Protein backbone atom coordinates (compact mmCIF):
# COMPACT_ATOMS: atom_id res chain seq x y z
CA MET A 1 -33.78 -11.61 6.05
CA PRO A 2 -31.00 -8.99 6.01
CA GLU A 3 -27.81 -9.84 4.16
CA TYR A 4 -24.30 -9.03 5.33
CA PHE A 5 -21.11 -8.38 3.39
CA LEU A 6 -17.49 -8.65 4.48
CA GLY A 7 -14.32 -6.86 3.41
CA VAL A 8 -10.90 -7.74 4.83
CA ASP A 9 -7.51 -6.11 4.38
CA GLY A 10 -4.87 -8.62 5.47
CA GLY A 11 -1.38 -7.21 5.60
CA GLN A 12 2.14 -7.69 6.92
CA SER A 13 1.56 -5.56 10.01
CA SER A 14 -2.19 -5.74 10.73
CA THR A 15 -5.59 -6.97 9.55
CA THR A 16 -8.79 -4.92 9.28
CA ALA A 17 -12.31 -6.23 8.65
CA LEU A 18 -15.47 -4.29 7.78
CA ILE A 19 -19.04 -5.63 7.74
CA GLY A 20 -21.82 -3.88 5.86
CA ASP A 21 -25.49 -4.49 5.14
CA GLU A 22 -27.16 -4.72 1.73
CA THR A 23 -27.58 -0.92 1.54
CA GLY A 24 -23.86 -0.17 1.88
CA ARG A 25 -24.08 0.94 5.52
CA VAL A 26 -21.00 -0.13 7.49
CA LEU A 27 -22.10 -1.92 10.66
CA GLY A 28 -18.84 -2.85 12.34
CA MET A 29 -15.05 -2.87 12.14
CA GLY A 30 -12.52 -5.24 13.69
CA ARG A 31 -8.72 -5.26 13.84
CA GLY A 32 -6.18 -8.05 14.22
CA GLY A 33 -2.53 -8.91 13.80
CA PRO A 34 -0.59 -9.74 10.62
CA CYS A 35 -1.81 -12.63 8.48
CA ASN A 36 0.30 -12.75 5.35
CA HIS A 37 2.18 -16.05 5.84
CA VAL A 38 0.34 -19.38 5.83
CA SER A 39 2.82 -22.01 4.59
CA ALA A 40 3.88 -23.69 7.86
CA ALA A 41 1.54 -25.25 10.40
CA GLU A 42 2.28 -22.55 12.97
CA ALA A 43 1.74 -19.85 10.37
CA ARG A 44 -1.57 -21.43 9.36
CA THR A 45 -2.74 -21.24 12.99
CA LYS A 46 -1.62 -17.61 13.27
CA PHE A 47 -3.34 -16.76 9.99
CA MET A 48 -6.64 -18.29 11.01
CA GLY A 49 -6.42 -16.69 14.45
CA ALA A 50 -5.73 -13.24 13.03
CA ILE A 51 -8.51 -13.43 10.43
CA GLY A 52 -11.03 -15.15 12.70
CA GLY A 53 -10.42 -12.78 15.60
CA CYS A 54 -10.55 -9.72 13.37
CA VAL A 55 -13.84 -10.76 11.72
CA ASN A 56 -15.39 -11.70 15.06
CA ARG A 57 -14.52 -8.28 16.47
CA ALA A 58 -16.27 -6.75 13.48
CA ARG A 59 -19.25 -9.05 14.11
CA ASP A 60 -19.31 -7.93 17.76
CA ALA A 61 -19.32 -4.28 16.69
CA ALA A 62 -22.16 -5.04 14.25
CA GLY A 63 -24.13 -6.96 16.86
CA LEU A 64 -23.92 -10.23 14.91
CA PRO A 65 -23.28 -13.75 16.21
CA HIS A 66 -19.88 -15.29 15.53
CA ASP A 67 -21.40 -17.89 13.21
CA SER A 68 -23.23 -15.35 11.02
CA ALA A 69 -22.94 -15.94 7.26
CA PHE A 70 -22.03 -13.45 4.55
CA ALA A 71 -23.78 -13.04 1.22
CA ALA A 72 -20.42 -12.07 -0.28
CA ALA A 73 -16.92 -11.35 0.93
CA CYS A 74 -13.69 -10.02 -0.50
CA LEU A 75 -10.38 -10.55 1.27
CA GLY A 76 -7.21 -8.95 -0.02
CA PHE A 77 -3.79 -10.09 1.17
CA SER A 78 -0.23 -8.90 0.96
CA GLY A 79 1.48 -11.60 -1.06
CA GLY A 80 -1.71 -12.54 -2.89
CA PRO A 81 -4.35 -15.27 -2.48
CA VAL A 82 -2.17 -18.36 -2.86
CA ASP A 83 -2.88 -20.93 -0.08
CA LYS A 84 -5.44 -18.64 1.53
CA ASP A 85 -8.68 -19.27 -0.36
CA ALA A 86 -9.11 -22.81 0.97
CA LEU A 87 -8.54 -21.61 4.54
CA ILE A 88 -11.13 -18.86 4.17
CA ALA A 89 -13.63 -21.43 2.86
CA GLU A 90 -13.03 -23.50 6.02
CA MET A 91 -13.49 -20.57 8.35
CA PHE A 92 -16.60 -18.76 7.12
CA GLN A 93 -19.92 -19.39 5.42
CA ILE A 94 -19.76 -17.13 2.38
CA GLY A 95 -22.13 -17.08 -0.59
CA LYS A 96 -19.76 -15.46 -3.10
CA ARG A 97 -16.09 -15.35 -2.15
CA LEU A 98 -13.27 -13.34 -3.72
CA VAL A 99 -9.74 -13.74 -2.38
CA THR A 100 -7.28 -11.40 -4.07
CA ASN A 101 -4.17 -9.27 -3.54
CA ASP A 102 -3.81 -6.07 -1.56
CA ALA A 103 -3.33 -3.83 -4.62
CA VAL A 104 -6.86 -4.63 -5.88
CA ILE A 105 -8.53 -3.58 -2.64
CA ALA A 106 -6.31 -0.53 -2.20
CA LEU A 107 -7.30 0.59 -5.71
CA ALA A 108 -11.00 -0.02 -5.04
CA GLY A 109 -10.86 1.90 -1.78
CA ALA A 110 -8.89 4.84 -3.12
CA HIS A 111 -11.34 5.45 -5.97
CA ALA A 112 -14.51 4.19 -4.22
CA GLY A 113 -14.78 1.37 -6.75
CA GLN A 114 -14.50 3.66 -9.79
CA PRO A 115 -11.83 3.60 -12.54
CA GLY A 116 -8.47 5.13 -11.74
CA ILE A 117 -4.88 4.49 -10.78
CA ILE A 118 -3.05 4.19 -7.48
CA THR A 119 0.68 4.64 -7.15
CA ILE A 120 2.09 3.19 -3.95
CA GLY A 121 5.32 4.52 -2.51
CA GLY A 122 5.89 2.61 0.71
CA THR A 123 8.83 0.33 1.44
CA GLY A 124 8.72 -0.45 -2.27
CA SER A 125 6.74 0.96 -5.18
CA ILE A 126 4.05 -0.13 -7.63
CA SER A 127 1.37 1.43 -9.82
CA TYR A 128 -1.96 -0.31 -10.29
CA GLY A 129 -5.02 0.71 -12.25
CA ARG A 130 -8.43 -0.33 -13.54
CA ASN A 131 -10.49 1.16 -16.36
CA SER A 132 -14.25 1.30 -16.95
CA ALA A 133 -14.15 -2.06 -18.78
CA GLY A 134 -12.75 -3.73 -15.66
CA LYS A 135 -9.29 -4.28 -17.15
CA PHE A 136 -6.40 -4.12 -14.68
CA ALA A 137 -2.78 -3.11 -15.24
CA ARG A 138 0.19 -3.37 -12.91
CA VAL A 139 3.55 -1.64 -13.37
CA GLY A 140 6.58 -2.03 -11.11
CA GLY A 141 6.64 -3.88 -7.82
CA TRP A 142 9.71 -5.91 -8.80
CA GLY A 143 11.20 -5.97 -5.29
CA TYR A 144 14.11 -4.21 -3.67
CA VAL A 145 16.85 -5.90 -5.72
CA TYR A 146 15.53 -5.32 -9.24
CA GLY A 147 13.05 -2.48 -8.81
CA ASP A 148 10.94 -0.56 -6.28
CA GLU A 149 12.36 2.71 -7.59
CA GLY A 150 11.02 5.70 -5.68
CA GLY A 151 10.04 3.62 -2.65
CA GLY A 152 11.32 4.26 0.86
CA PHE A 153 14.04 1.59 0.72
CA ASP A 154 15.36 2.95 -2.56
CA ILE A 155 15.39 6.54 -1.25
CA THR A 156 17.41 5.48 1.81
CA ARG A 157 19.73 3.44 -0.41
CA GLN A 158 20.40 6.49 -2.57
CA GLY A 159 21.02 8.56 0.56
CA LEU A 160 23.58 6.05 1.84
CA ARG A 161 25.27 5.89 -1.55
CA ALA A 162 25.60 9.69 -1.51
CA ALA A 163 27.11 9.50 1.99
CA LEU A 164 29.59 6.82 0.86
CA ARG A 165 30.65 8.85 -2.18
CA MET A 166 31.19 11.93 -0.01
CA GLU A 167 33.20 9.93 2.54
CA GLU A 168 35.45 8.46 -0.16
CA GLY A 169 36.00 11.83 -1.83
CA TRP A 170 34.28 11.29 -5.16
CA GLY A 171 30.89 12.80 -4.39
CA PRO A 172 29.56 16.22 -3.39
CA GLU A 173 29.19 17.43 0.20
CA THR A 174 25.86 16.48 1.76
CA VAL A 175 24.38 16.61 5.26
CA LEU A 176 23.01 13.12 4.63
CA ARG A 177 26.20 11.53 5.94
CA ALA A 178 26.00 13.29 9.31
CA LEU A 179 22.25 12.73 9.65
CA LEU A 180 22.48 9.01 8.84
CA LEU A 181 25.36 8.47 11.26
CA GLU A 182 23.55 10.38 13.99
CA ALA A 183 20.39 8.31 13.52
CA THR A 184 22.17 4.94 13.60
CA GLY A 185 25.20 5.46 15.84
CA ALA A 186 27.56 4.27 13.12
CA ALA A 187 31.10 5.66 13.16
CA ASN A 188 31.21 6.22 9.41
CA ALA A 189 29.23 5.55 6.26
CA ASN A 190 31.17 2.37 5.49
CA GLU A 191 30.25 0.92 8.89
CA LEU A 192 26.64 1.93 8.32
CA MET A 193 26.62 0.15 4.95
CA HIS A 194 27.68 -3.07 6.68
CA LYS A 195 25.03 -2.55 9.40
CA PHE A 196 22.37 -2.34 6.69
CA TYR A 197 23.29 -5.90 5.62
CA THR A 198 22.52 -7.31 9.09
CA PRO A 199 19.21 -8.46 10.66
CA GLU A 200 19.38 -5.38 12.89
CA PHE A 201 18.15 -3.39 9.89
CA PRO A 202 15.29 -5.18 8.08
CA ARG A 203 14.01 -3.54 4.92
CA PRO A 204 11.04 -1.73 6.52
CA LYS A 205 13.38 -0.15 9.08
CA ILE A 206 15.75 0.99 6.35
CA ALA A 207 12.82 2.30 4.30
CA ALA A 208 11.56 4.35 7.26
CA MET A 209 14.92 6.14 7.30
CA SER A 210 13.95 7.75 3.99
CA GLN A 211 12.51 10.50 6.19
CA ILE A 212 16.13 11.48 6.89
CA VAL A 213 16.49 12.27 3.20
CA VAL A 214 13.26 14.29 3.42
CA ARG A 215 14.67 16.20 6.42
CA ALA A 216 17.93 16.90 4.60
CA ALA A 217 16.01 18.24 1.60
CA SER A 218 13.99 20.53 3.88
CA GLN A 219 17.31 21.95 5.10
CA GLY A 220 18.23 22.86 1.52
CA ASP A 221 20.60 19.96 0.84
CA GLU A 222 20.89 19.71 -2.93
CA VAL A 223 21.86 16.04 -2.98
CA ALA A 224 18.82 15.06 -0.92
CA THR A 225 16.57 17.26 -3.06
CA ASP A 226 17.88 15.56 -6.20
CA ILE A 227 17.21 12.11 -4.68
CA LEU A 228 13.59 13.04 -3.96
CA GLY A 229 13.21 14.52 -7.44
CA GLU A 230 14.50 11.31 -9.02
CA ALA A 231 12.13 9.26 -6.85
CA ALA A 232 9.19 11.40 -8.00
CA GLN A 233 10.27 10.93 -11.61
CA GLN A 234 10.40 7.14 -11.22
CA LEU A 235 6.98 7.03 -9.52
CA ALA A 236 5.53 9.24 -12.25
CA GLY A 237 7.05 6.92 -14.85
CA ILE A 238 5.29 3.80 -13.58
CA THR A 239 2.07 5.81 -13.28
CA ARG A 240 2.28 6.91 -16.92
CA ALA A 241 2.95 3.33 -17.98
CA ALA A 242 -0.19 2.12 -16.16
CA ARG A 243 -2.20 4.88 -17.80
CA LEU A 244 -1.02 3.94 -21.29
CA GLN A 245 -2.23 0.36 -20.80
CA LEU A 246 -5.72 1.30 -19.64
CA PHE A 247 -7.00 4.67 -20.82
CA THR A 248 -7.35 6.66 -24.02
CA PRO A 249 -5.31 9.87 -24.39
CA GLU A 250 -8.49 11.95 -24.05
CA GLU A 251 -9.59 10.52 -20.70
CA VAL A 252 -8.74 12.47 -17.56
CA VAL A 253 -7.52 9.82 -15.16
CA PRO A 254 -7.59 10.21 -11.36
CA VAL A 255 -4.42 9.09 -9.59
CA ALA A 256 -4.30 8.48 -5.84
CA PRO A 257 -0.85 8.47 -4.20
CA ILE A 258 -0.54 6.02 -1.30
CA GLY A 259 2.32 5.39 1.11
CA GLY A 260 4.82 7.08 3.37
CA VAL A 261 7.10 8.57 0.71
CA PHE A 262 4.31 10.91 -0.36
CA LYS A 263 4.47 12.58 3.07
CA SER A 264 7.33 14.57 1.58
CA ASP A 265 5.88 17.80 0.19
CA THR A 266 8.86 18.08 -2.15
CA LEU A 267 8.33 14.63 -3.62
CA LEU A 268 4.55 14.94 -3.76
CA GLU A 269 4.60 18.26 -5.62
CA GLU A 270 7.21 17.01 -8.09
CA PHE A 271 5.10 13.89 -8.65
CA ARG A 272 1.99 16.05 -9.14
CA ASN A 273 3.75 18.26 -11.67
CA ARG A 274 5.06 15.33 -13.67
CA ILE A 275 1.72 13.54 -14.01
CA GLU A 276 -0.64 16.52 -14.33
CA LEU A 277 1.13 18.86 -16.71
CA THR A 278 1.59 16.53 -19.68
CA ASN A 279 -0.35 13.32 -19.13
CA ASN A 280 -4.04 14.23 -18.65
CA MET A 281 -4.04 12.87 -15.11
CA ARG A 282 -5.10 14.54 -11.87
CA LEU A 283 -3.96 13.85 -8.35
CA VAL A 284 -6.74 12.95 -5.90
CA THR A 285 -6.92 12.09 -2.21
CA PRO A 286 -7.84 8.42 -1.60
CA ALA A 287 -11.55 8.15 -0.81
CA PHE A 288 -11.25 5.14 1.53
CA GLY A 289 -8.72 2.68 2.86
CA PRO A 290 -8.19 -0.86 1.55
CA ALA A 291 -10.64 -2.58 3.94
CA ALA A 292 -13.43 -0.39 2.57
CA GLY A 293 -12.13 -1.23 -0.89
CA ALA A 294 -12.46 -4.93 -0.06
CA LEU A 295 -16.03 -4.36 1.10
CA LEU A 296 -16.84 -2.54 -2.15
CA GLU A 297 -15.37 -5.44 -4.11
CA ALA A 298 -17.59 -7.83 -2.13
CA TYR A 299 -20.68 -5.87 -3.15
CA GLN A 300 -19.54 -5.79 -6.76
CA HIS A 301 -18.83 -9.54 -6.67
CA ALA A 302 -22.45 -10.01 -5.58
CA GLY A 303 -23.72 -7.84 -8.44
CA LEU A 304 -24.64 -4.90 -6.21
CA SER A 305 -23.78 -1.25 -6.77
CA VAL A 306 -23.80 0.66 -3.48
CA THR A 307 -22.37 3.81 -1.95
CA LEU A 308 -20.65 3.16 1.35
CA ASP A 309 -22.05 4.96 4.38
CA GLY A 310 -20.51 5.32 7.83
CA VAL A 311 -17.01 4.12 6.96
CA PRO A 312 -14.70 4.48 9.99
CA SER A 313 -11.07 5.54 9.71
CA GLU A 314 -8.80 2.58 9.03
CA LYS A 315 -5.73 4.26 10.55
């Protein structure tokens, strides 16, 4: 009888499931809504609906019945596996089950299951790696109050601070003030600061405004360029720290950058220069997305070594 394997990426905005056969051939993909909160009764229902619907859509694409079992499955979640493993056990028949966090599956996908490091610059920031002995290391990811340096929220925060300093007369001229006010409709930087404390501007929305800093830098604004350079330095710093924990100085370590802040050519090139010139690391393009990484982890959890074939885009 054929065996089937499941990989799921469960995040704050969407869920993606991939089903593969024992050879590594991807048979079907399904998508669903967010599934990261499970504490309340309503959240539990939403979680099970998002996961169940997503997996069933993948089963439909693979031509499998909705009660089909899996030889092994890996499910990675934003916020980690707490409270989720028992629910997954209720929902599916799985031979070998691994419920983990989203960094593990993002790492596995980016390097196709091989050793390496990912550095994520999204709303926040974190570096995560694994070596050939299977040892993991995590650096950063302390949250927006105490860390997340180089992430989108931090870049926007630095842009607003520069605008406030300019407005109060103790900072250099920068186009960031005008661009931020134009984007938000605020009368001045002080008003914008107070807007950023309200529910109208949740952290992901503020983080997305980091592209204003990118635009200012592309216009030659020195303050914005310095902010992006500092962000690249911070991201390179957590990457170097992850490397030191996992790899010998002689090893050439692949590093995959992930997240919206790396869409900035200025930041990406500064990051590349800082990790490649002195640290025996090389920048690489992620091989796959996190759902494919979860599927690879499912195979590994079952003791199989496969090369994925026919992986669809997860975007």
